[in-house]
N, C-alpha and C. Protein backbone atom coordinates (compact mmCIF):
# COMPACT_ATOMS: atom_id res chain seq x y z
N UNK A 1 -56.63 -30.74 -19.45
CA UNK A 1 -57.31 -29.54 -19.90
C UNK A 1 -58.43 -29.90 -20.86
N UNK A 2 -59.53 -29.20 -20.72
CA UNK A 2 -60.66 -29.38 -21.63
C UNK A 2 -61.15 -28.00 -22.03
N UNK A 3 -61.31 -27.79 -23.35
CA UNK A 3 -61.83 -26.52 -23.84
C UNK A 3 -63.20 -26.73 -24.47
N UNK A 4 -64.19 -26.09 -23.92
CA UNK A 4 -65.52 -26.08 -24.53
C UNK A 4 -65.55 -24.90 -25.48
N UNK A 5 -65.55 -25.17 -26.78
CA UNK A 5 -65.44 -24.11 -27.77
C UNK A 5 -66.56 -23.09 -27.64
N UNK A 6 -67.73 -23.54 -27.21
CA UNK A 6 -68.87 -22.62 -27.09
C UNK A 6 -68.63 -21.53 -26.06
N UNK A 7 -67.76 -21.79 -25.07
CA UNK A 7 -67.52 -20.82 -24.00
C UNK A 7 -66.09 -20.29 -24.00
N UNK A 8 -65.30 -20.67 -24.99
CA UNK A 8 -63.90 -20.24 -25.07
C UNK A 8 -63.77 -19.04 -26.00
N UNK A 9 -63.11 -17.97 -25.57
CA UNK A 9 -62.90 -16.82 -26.45
C UNK A 9 -62.24 -17.26 -27.77
N UNK A 10 -62.65 -16.63 -28.85
CA UNK A 10 -62.19 -17.02 -30.18
C UNK A 10 -60.67 -17.04 -30.28
N UNK A 11 -60.02 -15.99 -29.80
CA UNK A 11 -58.57 -15.90 -29.91
C UNK A 11 -57.90 -17.03 -29.13
N UNK A 12 -58.44 -17.38 -27.96
CA UNK A 12 -57.87 -18.47 -27.17
C UNK A 12 -58.00 -19.80 -27.89
N UNK A 13 -59.15 -20.04 -28.52
CA UNK A 13 -59.35 -21.28 -29.27
C UNK A 13 -58.41 -21.33 -30.46
N UNK A 14 -58.24 -20.17 -31.13
CA UNK A 14 -57.33 -20.09 -32.27
C UNK A 14 -55.90 -20.42 -31.86
N UNK A 15 -55.43 -19.80 -30.77
CA UNK A 15 -54.06 -20.03 -30.33
C UNK A 15 -53.83 -21.50 -29.97
N UNK A 16 -54.83 -22.12 -29.34
CA UNK A 16 -54.69 -23.53 -28.99
C UNK A 16 -54.65 -24.40 -30.24
N UNK A 17 -55.52 -24.11 -31.18
CA UNK A 17 -55.61 -24.91 -32.41
C UNK A 17 -54.31 -24.87 -33.21
N UNK A 18 -53.77 -23.66 -33.42
CA UNK A 18 -52.56 -23.56 -34.23
C UNK A 18 -51.33 -24.06 -33.48
N UNK A 19 -51.44 -24.17 -32.17
CA UNK A 19 -50.36 -24.76 -31.40
C UNK A 19 -50.38 -26.28 -31.42
N UNK A 20 -51.54 -26.84 -31.66
CA UNK A 20 -51.68 -28.29 -31.67
C UNK A 20 -51.53 -28.90 -33.05
N UNK A 21 -52.09 -28.27 -34.05
CA UNK A 21 -52.05 -28.82 -35.41
C UNK A 21 -50.82 -28.26 -36.11
N UNK A 22 -49.73 -29.00 -36.03
CA UNK A 22 -48.44 -28.55 -36.56
C UNK A 22 -47.67 -29.73 -37.14
N UNK A 23 -46.68 -29.49 -37.99
CA UNK A 23 -46.36 -28.21 -38.60
C UNK A 23 -47.31 -27.90 -39.75
N UNK A 24 -47.51 -26.62 -40.02
CA UNK A 24 -48.40 -26.21 -41.10
C UNK A 24 -47.57 -25.56 -42.21
N UNK A 25 -47.66 -26.09 -43.44
CA UNK A 25 -46.92 -25.46 -44.54
C UNK A 25 -47.44 -24.05 -44.78
N UNK A 26 -46.62 -23.24 -45.39
CA UNK A 26 -46.94 -21.84 -45.59
C UNK A 26 -47.11 -21.54 -47.07
N UNK A 27 -48.26 -21.01 -47.43
CA UNK A 27 -48.48 -20.50 -48.79
C UNK A 27 -48.10 -19.02 -48.78
N UNK A 28 -47.09 -18.67 -49.57
CA UNK A 28 -46.70 -17.26 -49.70
C UNK A 28 -47.40 -16.77 -50.95
N UNK A 29 -48.52 -16.10 -50.77
CA UNK A 29 -49.47 -15.86 -51.86
C UNK A 29 -49.36 -14.45 -52.44
N UNK A 30 -49.27 -14.41 -53.77
CA UNK A 30 -49.39 -13.13 -54.47
C UNK A 30 -50.77 -13.03 -55.09
N UNK A 31 -51.36 -11.84 -54.98
CA UNK A 31 -52.64 -11.53 -55.62
C UNK A 31 -52.53 -10.13 -56.21
N UNK A 32 -53.54 -9.77 -56.99
CA UNK A 32 -53.53 -8.48 -57.67
C UNK A 32 -54.83 -7.75 -57.38
N UNK A 33 -54.71 -6.50 -56.94
CA UNK A 33 -55.91 -5.71 -56.63
C UNK A 33 -56.52 -5.16 -57.91
N UNK A 34 -57.72 -4.63 -57.79
CA UNK A 34 -58.42 -4.07 -58.94
C UNK A 34 -57.67 -2.87 -59.52
N UNK A 35 -56.84 -2.23 -58.69
CA UNK A 35 -56.07 -1.06 -59.16
C UNK A 35 -54.64 -1.43 -59.53
N UNK A 36 -54.32 -2.73 -59.54
CA UNK A 36 -53.00 -3.18 -59.98
C UNK A 36 -51.94 -3.29 -58.91
N UNK A 37 -52.33 -3.20 -57.64
CA UNK A 37 -51.36 -3.35 -56.55
C UNK A 37 -51.15 -4.83 -56.26
N UNK A 38 -49.88 -5.25 -56.24
CA UNK A 38 -49.57 -6.66 -55.92
C UNK A 38 -49.53 -6.83 -54.41
N UNK A 39 -50.32 -7.77 -53.92
CA UNK A 39 -50.34 -8.10 -52.49
C UNK A 39 -49.54 -9.37 -52.29
N UNK A 40 -48.75 -9.42 -51.23
CA UNK A 40 -47.95 -10.59 -50.89
C UNK A 40 -48.18 -10.90 -49.42
N UNK A 41 -48.67 -12.10 -49.13
CA UNK A 41 -48.99 -12.44 -47.74
C UNK A 41 -48.84 -13.94 -47.50
N UNK A 42 -48.43 -14.33 -46.28
CA UNK A 42 -48.29 -15.74 -45.94
C UNK A 42 -49.53 -16.29 -45.24
N UNK A 43 -49.82 -17.57 -45.51
CA UNK A 43 -50.97 -18.24 -44.89
C UNK A 43 -50.58 -19.66 -44.51
N UNK A 44 -50.72 -19.98 -43.23
CA UNK A 44 -50.36 -21.33 -42.79
C UNK A 44 -51.58 -22.25 -42.65
N UNK A 45 -52.78 -21.74 -42.93
CA UNK A 45 -53.93 -22.62 -43.12
C UNK A 45 -53.91 -22.97 -44.61
N UNK A 46 -53.10 -23.98 -44.96
CA UNK A 46 -52.80 -24.25 -46.37
C UNK A 46 -52.36 -25.70 -46.57
N UNK A 47 -52.78 -26.27 -47.70
CA UNK A 47 -52.25 -27.57 -48.12
C UNK A 47 -52.75 -27.89 -49.52
N UNK A 48 -52.28 -29.03 -50.04
CA UNK A 48 -52.77 -29.52 -51.33
C UNK A 48 -53.77 -30.64 -51.05
N UNK A 49 -54.84 -30.70 -51.85
CA UNK A 49 -55.94 -31.62 -51.53
C UNK A 49 -56.40 -32.47 -52.69
N UNK A 50 -55.64 -32.52 -53.76
CA UNK A 50 -56.03 -33.36 -54.88
C UNK A 50 -55.05 -33.22 -56.01
N UNK A 51 -55.08 -34.19 -56.94
CA UNK A 51 -54.13 -34.17 -58.05
C UNK A 51 -54.78 -34.25 -59.42
N UNK A 52 -56.06 -34.54 -59.49
CA UNK A 52 -56.74 -34.67 -60.78
C UNK A 52 -58.10 -34.00 -60.73
N UNK A 53 -58.18 -32.67 -60.86
CA UNK A 53 -57.08 -31.76 -61.17
C UNK A 53 -56.26 -31.42 -59.92
N UNK A 54 -55.05 -30.86 -60.13
CA UNK A 54 -54.26 -30.43 -58.97
C UNK A 54 -54.99 -29.31 -58.22
N UNK A 55 -55.17 -29.49 -56.93
CA UNK A 55 -55.94 -28.53 -56.13
C UNK A 55 -55.17 -28.15 -54.87
N UNK A 56 -55.18 -26.85 -54.57
CA UNK A 56 -54.68 -26.37 -53.30
C UNK A 56 -55.80 -25.62 -52.60
N UNK A 57 -55.73 -25.59 -51.28
CA UNK A 57 -56.71 -24.86 -50.48
C UNK A 57 -55.96 -24.05 -49.43
N UNK A 58 -56.31 -22.79 -49.31
CA UNK A 58 -55.78 -22.01 -48.19
C UNK A 58 -56.89 -21.12 -47.67
N UNK A 59 -56.68 -20.59 -46.46
CA UNK A 59 -57.74 -19.80 -45.84
C UNK A 59 -57.24 -18.45 -45.37
N UNK A 60 -57.58 -17.39 -46.11
CA UNK A 60 -57.38 -16.04 -45.57
C UNK A 60 -58.53 -15.75 -44.60
N UNK A 61 -58.27 -15.98 -43.33
CA UNK A 61 -59.31 -15.75 -42.33
C UNK A 61 -59.68 -14.27 -42.28
N UNK A 62 -60.85 -14.00 -41.73
CA UNK A 62 -61.22 -12.60 -41.50
C UNK A 62 -60.30 -12.01 -40.45
N UNK A 63 -60.10 -10.70 -40.52
CA UNK A 63 -59.24 -10.03 -39.54
C UNK A 63 -59.91 -10.02 -38.17
N UNK A 64 -59.17 -9.63 -37.18
CA UNK A 64 -59.71 -9.66 -35.81
C UNK A 64 -60.81 -8.63 -35.61
N UNK A 65 -60.94 -7.67 -36.53
CA UNK A 65 -62.07 -6.75 -36.46
C UNK A 65 -63.23 -7.23 -37.33
N UNK A 66 -63.08 -8.42 -37.93
CA UNK A 66 -64.14 -9.00 -38.76
C UNK A 66 -64.08 -8.61 -40.22
N UNK A 67 -63.14 -7.74 -40.59
CA UNK A 67 -63.01 -7.31 -41.99
C UNK A 67 -62.25 -8.33 -42.84
N UNK A 68 -62.34 -8.16 -44.15
CA UNK A 68 -61.66 -9.06 -45.08
C UNK A 68 -60.22 -8.60 -45.30
N UNK A 69 -59.32 -9.58 -45.43
CA UNK A 69 -57.94 -9.27 -45.77
C UNK A 69 -57.85 -8.94 -47.25
N UNK A 70 -56.81 -8.19 -47.61
CA UNK A 70 -56.62 -7.80 -49.01
C UNK A 70 -56.56 -9.00 -49.94
N UNK A 71 -55.92 -10.07 -49.50
CA UNK A 71 -55.81 -11.27 -50.33
C UNK A 71 -57.19 -11.78 -50.74
N UNK A 72 -58.10 -11.87 -49.79
CA UNK A 72 -59.44 -12.36 -50.08
C UNK A 72 -60.19 -11.41 -51.00
N UNK A 73 -60.08 -10.11 -50.73
CA UNK A 73 -60.75 -9.11 -51.57
C UNK A 73 -60.25 -9.24 -53.02
N UNK A 74 -58.95 -9.38 -53.20
CA UNK A 74 -58.38 -9.48 -54.53
C UNK A 74 -58.84 -10.74 -55.26
N UNK A 75 -58.85 -11.85 -54.55
CA UNK A 75 -59.25 -13.12 -55.16
C UNK A 75 -60.73 -13.10 -55.53
N UNK A 76 -61.56 -12.50 -54.69
CA UNK A 76 -62.98 -12.38 -55.01
C UNK A 76 -63.17 -11.53 -56.28
N UNK A 77 -62.29 -10.58 -56.49
CA UNK A 77 -62.43 -9.67 -57.63
C UNK A 77 -62.00 -10.30 -58.94
N UNK A 78 -60.90 -11.10 -58.91
CA UNK A 78 -60.40 -11.61 -60.19
C UNK A 78 -60.19 -13.12 -60.28
N UNK A 79 -60.40 -13.85 -59.18
CA UNK A 79 -60.37 -15.31 -59.23
C UNK A 79 -59.03 -15.94 -59.52
N UNK A 80 -57.94 -15.24 -59.21
CA UNK A 80 -56.61 -15.78 -59.48
C UNK A 80 -55.66 -15.52 -58.31
N UNK A 81 -54.67 -16.40 -58.16
CA UNK A 81 -53.62 -16.19 -57.17
C UNK A 81 -52.44 -17.09 -57.51
N UNK A 82 -51.30 -16.81 -56.89
CA UNK A 82 -50.11 -17.64 -57.06
C UNK A 82 -49.58 -18.02 -55.68
N UNK A 83 -49.34 -19.31 -55.48
CA UNK A 83 -48.71 -19.80 -54.26
C UNK A 83 -47.21 -19.91 -54.54
N UNK A 84 -46.41 -19.16 -53.80
CA UNK A 84 -44.97 -19.18 -53.95
C UNK A 84 -44.34 -19.95 -52.79
N UNK A 85 -43.20 -20.58 -53.05
CA UNK A 85 -42.53 -21.41 -52.05
C UNK A 85 -42.12 -20.59 -50.83
N UNK A 86 -42.22 -21.23 -49.67
CA UNK A 86 -41.73 -20.63 -48.43
C UNK A 86 -40.51 -21.42 -47.98
N UNK A 87 -39.33 -20.91 -48.30
CA UNK A 87 -38.08 -21.57 -47.97
C UNK A 87 -37.35 -20.83 -46.86
N UNK A 88 -36.42 -21.54 -46.24
CA UNK A 88 -35.72 -21.01 -45.07
C UNK A 88 -35.05 -19.67 -45.35
N UNK A 89 -34.49 -19.49 -46.53
CA UNK A 89 -33.77 -18.24 -46.81
C UNK A 89 -34.67 -17.02 -46.78
N UNK A 90 -35.99 -17.24 -46.91
CA UNK A 90 -36.93 -16.13 -46.93
C UNK A 90 -37.72 -16.00 -45.62
N UNK A 91 -37.36 -16.74 -44.60
CA UNK A 91 -38.17 -16.79 -43.38
C UNK A 91 -38.51 -15.40 -42.82
N UNK A 92 -37.53 -14.55 -42.68
CA UNK A 92 -37.78 -13.23 -42.09
C UNK A 92 -38.65 -12.38 -43.01
N UNK A 93 -38.48 -12.53 -44.31
CA UNK A 93 -39.29 -11.76 -45.26
C UNK A 93 -40.73 -12.27 -45.29
N UNK A 94 -40.90 -13.57 -45.18
CA UNK A 94 -42.24 -14.14 -45.12
C UNK A 94 -42.97 -13.60 -43.90
N UNK A 95 -42.28 -13.59 -42.78
CA UNK A 95 -42.87 -13.04 -41.55
C UNK A 95 -43.17 -11.55 -41.72
N UNK A 96 -42.27 -10.82 -42.32
CA UNK A 96 -42.46 -9.38 -42.52
C UNK A 96 -43.66 -9.10 -43.42
N UNK A 97 -43.89 -9.96 -44.39
CA UNK A 97 -45.01 -9.72 -45.32
C UNK A 97 -46.38 -9.92 -44.69
N UNK A 98 -46.41 -10.41 -43.45
CA UNK A 98 -47.68 -10.54 -42.73
C UNK A 98 -48.09 -9.23 -42.06
N UNK A 99 -47.22 -8.22 -42.12
CA UNK A 99 -47.50 -6.93 -41.49
C UNK A 99 -48.70 -6.26 -42.15
N UNK A 100 -49.57 -5.68 -41.34
CA UNK A 100 -50.74 -4.96 -41.84
C UNK A 100 -50.29 -3.60 -42.37
N UNK A 101 -50.48 -3.40 -43.68
CA UNK A 101 -50.16 -2.12 -44.30
C UNK A 101 -51.38 -1.67 -45.11
N UNK A 102 -51.45 -0.40 -45.49
CA UNK A 102 -52.61 0.07 -46.27
C UNK A 102 -52.78 -0.71 -47.57
N UNK A 103 -54.02 -0.86 -47.99
CA UNK A 103 -54.34 -1.66 -49.18
C UNK A 103 -53.71 -1.13 -50.46
N UNK A 104 -53.43 0.16 -50.49
CA UNK A 104 -52.85 0.72 -51.70
C UNK A 104 -51.32 0.65 -51.72
N UNK A 105 -50.75 -0.03 -50.73
CA UNK A 105 -49.31 -0.26 -50.69
C UNK A 105 -49.03 -1.74 -50.90
N UNK A 106 -47.85 -2.05 -51.44
CA UNK A 106 -47.50 -3.44 -51.73
C UNK A 106 -46.42 -3.95 -50.78
N UNK A 107 -46.60 -5.18 -50.34
CA UNK A 107 -45.58 -5.84 -49.50
C UNK A 107 -44.30 -6.10 -50.29
N UNK A 108 -44.37 -6.00 -51.62
CA UNK A 108 -43.16 -6.17 -52.43
C UNK A 108 -42.14 -5.09 -52.08
N UNK A 109 -42.61 -3.87 -51.86
CA UNK A 109 -41.71 -2.78 -51.49
C UNK A 109 -41.15 -3.02 -50.09
N UNK A 110 -41.96 -3.57 -49.22
CA UNK A 110 -41.55 -3.84 -47.84
C UNK A 110 -40.49 -4.93 -47.78
N UNK A 111 -40.64 -5.96 -48.61
CA UNK A 111 -39.74 -7.12 -48.56
C UNK A 111 -38.67 -7.09 -49.65
N UNK A 112 -38.76 -6.12 -50.55
CA UNK A 112 -37.80 -6.00 -51.65
C UNK A 112 -37.77 -7.25 -52.53
N UNK A 113 -38.95 -7.83 -52.76
CA UNK A 113 -39.05 -9.01 -53.61
C UNK A 113 -39.40 -8.61 -55.04
N UNK A 114 -38.72 -9.22 -55.99
CA UNK A 114 -38.98 -8.97 -57.41
C UNK A 114 -40.00 -9.98 -57.91
N UNK A 115 -40.78 -9.57 -58.89
CA UNK A 115 -41.74 -10.48 -59.50
C UNK A 115 -41.45 -10.63 -60.99
N UNK A 116 -42.00 -11.69 -61.57
CA UNK A 116 -41.96 -11.90 -63.01
C UNK A 116 -43.35 -12.31 -63.46
N UNK A 117 -43.68 -12.08 -64.72
CA UNK A 117 -45.03 -12.43 -65.18
C UNK A 117 -45.32 -13.92 -65.07
N UNK A 118 -46.54 -14.24 -64.75
CA UNK A 118 -46.99 -15.63 -64.75
C UNK A 118 -47.35 -16.03 -66.18
N UNK A 119 -47.57 -17.32 -66.38
CA UNK A 119 -47.87 -17.83 -67.72
C UNK A 119 -49.36 -17.90 -68.00
N UNK A 120 -50.15 -18.25 -66.95
CA UNK A 120 -51.56 -18.55 -67.16
C UNK A 120 -52.52 -17.65 -66.41
N UNK A 121 -51.98 -16.81 -65.53
CA UNK A 121 -52.82 -15.88 -64.76
C UNK A 121 -52.20 -14.49 -64.83
N UNK A 122 -53.01 -13.48 -64.51
CA UNK A 122 -52.52 -12.10 -64.54
C UNK A 122 -51.67 -11.75 -63.32
N UNK A 123 -51.84 -12.51 -62.25
CA UNK A 123 -51.09 -12.24 -61.02
C UNK A 123 -49.62 -12.62 -61.22
N UNK A 124 -48.69 -11.72 -60.90
CA UNK A 124 -47.27 -12.07 -61.06
C UNK A 124 -46.82 -13.05 -59.98
N UNK A 125 -45.73 -13.73 -60.26
CA UNK A 125 -45.14 -14.66 -59.30
C UNK A 125 -43.81 -14.11 -58.83
N UNK A 126 -43.34 -14.61 -57.69
CA UNK A 126 -42.06 -14.15 -57.17
C UNK A 126 -40.92 -14.72 -58.00
N UNK A 127 -39.88 -13.93 -58.19
CA UNK A 127 -38.78 -14.35 -59.05
C UNK A 127 -37.80 -15.29 -58.35
N UNK A 128 -37.55 -15.07 -57.07
CA UNK A 128 -36.48 -15.79 -56.37
C UNK A 128 -37.03 -16.82 -55.38
N UNK A 129 -37.79 -17.79 -55.91
CA UNK A 129 -38.34 -18.84 -55.05
C UNK A 129 -38.13 -20.20 -55.70
N UNK A 130 -38.23 -21.25 -54.88
CA UNK A 130 -38.02 -22.61 -55.37
C UNK A 130 -39.10 -23.06 -56.34
N UNK A 131 -40.32 -22.59 -56.11
CA UNK A 131 -41.42 -22.93 -57.02
C UNK A 131 -42.54 -21.93 -56.89
N UNK A 132 -43.37 -21.87 -57.91
CA UNK A 132 -44.60 -21.08 -57.88
C UNK A 132 -45.71 -21.88 -58.53
N UNK A 133 -46.90 -21.81 -57.93
CA UNK A 133 -48.08 -22.51 -58.44
C UNK A 133 -49.11 -21.47 -58.87
N UNK A 134 -49.33 -21.36 -60.16
CA UNK A 134 -50.34 -20.43 -60.66
C UNK A 134 -51.71 -21.09 -60.52
N UNK A 135 -52.65 -20.37 -59.92
CA UNK A 135 -53.94 -20.98 -59.59
C UNK A 135 -55.12 -20.12 -60.03
N UNK A 136 -56.19 -20.81 -60.39
CA UNK A 136 -57.47 -20.17 -60.66
C UNK A 136 -58.50 -20.71 -59.67
N UNK A 137 -59.30 -19.82 -59.14
CA UNK A 137 -60.24 -20.20 -58.08
C UNK A 137 -61.35 -21.11 -58.63
N UNK A 138 -61.58 -22.20 -57.91
CA UNK A 138 -62.72 -23.07 -58.18
C UNK A 138 -63.91 -22.63 -57.34
N UNK A 139 -63.63 -22.34 -56.07
CA UNK A 139 -64.71 -21.98 -55.15
C UNK A 139 -64.12 -21.30 -53.92
N UNK A 140 -64.88 -20.39 -53.34
CA UNK A 140 -64.55 -19.80 -52.04
C UNK A 140 -65.67 -20.17 -51.08
N UNK A 141 -65.31 -20.81 -49.99
CA UNK A 141 -66.30 -21.29 -49.02
C UNK A 141 -66.13 -20.54 -47.70
N UNK A 142 -67.00 -19.56 -47.41
CA UNK A 142 -66.94 -18.89 -46.11
C UNK A 142 -67.44 -19.84 -45.02
N UNK A 143 -66.71 -19.86 -43.90
CA UNK A 143 -67.12 -20.68 -42.76
C UNK A 143 -67.15 -19.76 -41.55
N UNK A 144 -68.33 -19.31 -41.18
CA UNK A 144 -68.47 -18.35 -40.10
C UNK A 144 -68.48 -16.94 -40.65
N UNK A 145 -68.75 -15.97 -39.76
CA UNK A 145 -68.81 -14.57 -40.20
C UNK A 145 -68.26 -13.59 -39.18
N UNK A 146 -67.51 -14.10 -38.21
CA UNK A 146 -66.93 -13.22 -37.19
C UNK A 146 -65.41 -13.21 -37.29
N UNK A 147 -64.75 -12.55 -36.34
CA UNK A 147 -63.30 -12.47 -36.34
C UNK A 147 -62.63 -13.84 -36.45
N UNK A 148 -61.59 -13.93 -37.29
CA UNK A 148 -60.79 -15.14 -37.53
C UNK A 148 -61.61 -16.26 -38.16
N UNK A 149 -62.77 -15.94 -38.75
CA UNK A 149 -63.55 -16.96 -39.46
C UNK A 149 -62.83 -17.33 -40.75
N UNK A 150 -63.00 -18.59 -41.14
CA UNK A 150 -62.30 -19.11 -42.31
C UNK A 150 -62.98 -18.71 -43.62
N UNK A 151 -62.18 -18.63 -44.65
CA UNK A 151 -62.65 -18.51 -46.03
C UNK A 151 -61.81 -19.49 -46.84
N UNK A 152 -62.36 -20.65 -47.12
CA UNK A 152 -61.60 -21.68 -47.81
C UNK A 152 -61.53 -21.35 -49.29
N UNK A 153 -60.35 -20.97 -49.74
CA UNK A 153 -60.13 -20.67 -51.15
C UNK A 153 -59.62 -21.94 -51.82
N UNK A 154 -60.45 -22.52 -52.67
CA UNK A 154 -60.10 -23.74 -53.38
C UNK A 154 -59.62 -23.34 -54.77
N UNK A 155 -58.37 -23.64 -55.06
CA UNK A 155 -57.80 -23.22 -56.32
C UNK A 155 -57.26 -24.37 -57.14
N UNK A 156 -57.48 -24.31 -58.44
CA UNK A 156 -56.90 -25.31 -59.34
C UNK A 156 -55.56 -24.80 -59.84
N UNK A 157 -54.54 -25.63 -59.68
CA UNK A 157 -53.21 -25.28 -60.17
C UNK A 157 -53.20 -25.47 -61.68
N UNK A 158 -52.93 -24.38 -62.41
CA UNK A 158 -52.95 -24.47 -63.87
C UNK A 158 -51.55 -24.47 -64.48
N UNK A 159 -50.58 -23.94 -63.75
CA UNK A 159 -49.19 -23.99 -64.21
C UNK A 159 -48.27 -24.04 -62.99
N UNK A 160 -47.26 -24.91 -63.06
CA UNK A 160 -46.24 -24.99 -62.02
C UNK A 160 -44.90 -24.53 -62.59
N UNK A 161 -44.19 -23.72 -61.82
CA UNK A 161 -42.83 -23.33 -62.16
C UNK A 161 -41.92 -23.85 -61.05
N UNK A 162 -40.94 -24.67 -61.41
CA UNK A 162 -40.05 -25.27 -60.42
C UNK A 162 -38.61 -24.99 -60.81
N UNK A 163 -37.84 -24.45 -59.87
CA UNK A 163 -36.43 -24.19 -60.10
C UNK A 163 -35.70 -25.53 -60.27
N UNK A 164 -34.98 -25.68 -61.35
CA UNK A 164 -34.25 -26.93 -61.60
C UNK A 164 -33.29 -27.27 -60.47
N UNK A 165 -32.82 -26.26 -59.75
CA UNK A 165 -31.84 -26.48 -58.68
C UNK A 165 -32.42 -27.22 -57.48
N UNK A 166 -33.76 -27.32 -57.38
CA UNK A 166 -34.35 -28.03 -56.24
C UNK A 166 -34.86 -29.42 -56.63
N UNK A 167 -34.50 -29.88 -57.82
CA UNK A 167 -34.89 -31.21 -58.27
C UNK A 167 -33.74 -32.20 -58.08
N UNK A 168 -34.11 -33.47 -57.86
CA UNK A 168 -33.08 -34.50 -57.73
C UNK A 168 -32.72 -35.05 -59.11
N UNK A 169 -31.91 -36.10 -59.13
CA UNK A 169 -31.43 -36.66 -60.40
C UNK A 169 -32.56 -37.24 -61.24
N UNK A 170 -33.67 -37.58 -60.60
CA UNK A 170 -34.83 -38.14 -61.32
C UNK A 170 -35.83 -37.06 -61.73
N UNK A 171 -35.51 -35.80 -61.45
CA UNK A 171 -36.42 -34.71 -61.79
C UNK A 171 -37.54 -34.51 -60.81
N UNK A 172 -37.39 -35.05 -59.59
CA UNK A 172 -38.41 -34.90 -58.55
C UNK A 172 -37.96 -33.87 -57.51
N UNK A 173 -38.91 -33.21 -56.84
CA UNK A 173 -38.53 -32.23 -55.82
C UNK A 173 -37.72 -32.89 -54.70
N UNK A 174 -36.62 -32.27 -54.34
CA UNK A 174 -35.76 -32.76 -53.27
C UNK A 174 -35.97 -31.86 -52.05
N UNK A 175 -36.58 -32.39 -50.99
CA UNK A 175 -36.87 -31.55 -49.82
C UNK A 175 -35.63 -30.96 -49.17
N UNK A 176 -34.49 -31.62 -49.36
CA UNK A 176 -33.24 -31.10 -48.79
C UNK A 176 -32.78 -29.85 -49.52
N UNK A 177 -33.24 -29.70 -50.76
CA UNK A 177 -32.87 -28.52 -51.55
C UNK A 177 -33.92 -27.41 -51.44
N UNK A 178 -35.19 -27.78 -51.32
CA UNK A 178 -36.24 -26.77 -51.17
C UNK A 178 -36.12 -26.05 -49.84
N UNK A 179 -35.74 -26.79 -48.80
CA UNK A 179 -35.56 -26.22 -47.46
C UNK A 179 -36.81 -25.46 -47.00
N UNK A 180 -37.95 -26.14 -47.10
CA UNK A 180 -39.21 -25.52 -46.69
C UNK A 180 -39.23 -25.24 -45.20
N UNK A 181 -40.00 -24.24 -44.83
CA UNK A 181 -40.23 -23.94 -43.42
C UNK A 181 -41.73 -24.07 -43.16
N UNK A 182 -42.08 -24.16 -41.88
CA UNK A 182 -43.48 -24.35 -41.52
C UNK A 182 -43.78 -23.59 -40.23
N UNK A 183 -45.06 -23.36 -40.00
CA UNK A 183 -45.50 -22.63 -38.81
C UNK A 183 -45.92 -23.60 -37.71
N UNK A 184 -45.56 -23.23 -36.50
CA UNK A 184 -46.03 -23.93 -35.32
C UNK A 184 -46.93 -22.95 -34.57
N UNK A 185 -47.12 -23.14 -33.28
CA UNK A 185 -47.94 -22.20 -32.51
C UNK A 185 -47.10 -21.02 -32.03
N UNK A 186 -47.78 -20.00 -31.53
CA UNK A 186 -47.15 -18.81 -30.96
C UNK A 186 -46.19 -18.21 -31.99
N UNK A 187 -44.96 -17.91 -31.58
CA UNK A 187 -43.97 -17.34 -32.49
C UNK A 187 -43.02 -18.39 -33.04
N UNK A 188 -43.37 -19.66 -32.89
CA UNK A 188 -42.48 -20.73 -33.31
C UNK A 188 -42.66 -21.11 -34.78
N UNK A 189 -41.53 -21.34 -35.43
CA UNK A 189 -41.47 -21.85 -36.79
C UNK A 189 -40.59 -23.09 -36.77
N UNK A 190 -40.53 -23.82 -37.88
CA UNK A 190 -39.62 -24.96 -37.92
C UNK A 190 -39.06 -25.14 -39.32
N UNK A 191 -37.92 -25.83 -39.38
CA UNK A 191 -37.30 -26.20 -40.65
C UNK A 191 -37.64 -27.65 -40.95
N UNK A 192 -37.75 -27.99 -42.21
CA UNK A 192 -38.08 -29.37 -42.58
C UNK A 192 -36.83 -30.09 -43.07
N UNK A 193 -35.77 -30.05 -42.26
CA UNK A 193 -34.51 -30.67 -42.65
C UNK A 193 -34.20 -31.95 -41.89
N UNK A 194 -34.97 -32.26 -40.86
CA UNK A 194 -34.77 -33.51 -40.11
C UNK A 194 -35.63 -34.59 -40.77
N UNK A 195 -35.06 -35.28 -41.76
CA UNK A 195 -35.83 -36.19 -42.59
C UNK A 195 -35.66 -37.65 -42.18
N UNK A 196 -36.70 -38.44 -42.40
CA UNK A 196 -36.56 -39.89 -42.34
C UNK A 196 -37.48 -40.48 -43.41
N UNK A 197 -37.17 -41.70 -43.84
CA UNK A 197 -37.90 -42.30 -44.95
C UNK A 197 -38.65 -43.54 -44.48
N UNK A 198 -39.87 -43.71 -44.98
CA UNK A 198 -40.66 -44.91 -44.77
C UNK A 198 -41.29 -45.29 -46.10
N UNK A 199 -40.99 -46.47 -46.59
CA UNK A 199 -41.61 -46.91 -47.83
C UNK A 199 -43.06 -47.27 -47.61
N UNK A 200 -43.88 -47.08 -48.65
CA UNK A 200 -45.30 -47.45 -48.52
C UNK A 200 -45.44 -48.96 -48.36
N UNK A 201 -46.36 -49.42 -47.50
CA UNK A 201 -46.54 -50.86 -47.31
C UNK A 201 -47.20 -51.51 -48.54
């Protein structure tokens, strides 16, 4: 199979891409609207890209009608967000929080998730997660201007909150305890519990 992107419908190219580039970690992001509504949404175009300073990048793509998602609108307004852990116990709620609801409603009510105040940003963080990363925006890079176009949100992590229960004896994150999940293509997800170790050469 060969896909010429110039002649391939956008949605078809998107489905192929997310089916091939896997697994993708999930940022379960909280943001705050100008009127104080907490938005909660998952994004699998996400990863960490630096440590000095600590940097994460995720992409709230434009909607299929070309409009901006609430997450992007909120971040453009106040320059802050929180990345919350996506663990197996929350899989169904993470999926549910991707539902399109009116901007003046919060996914917190939909998912019954509690929040607690953050330390360094105004955006609250989720209370019952393995970790939360409080972030301030460094830059937003729009890539394209049509449906499913990327908006690379580059954020500096200013405070990390980590549940002691997911740390090992040395105080490091234990993947067996975090039980992270990831997105594959179509409706497929995966668990990160099939581990193997390779020491650096």
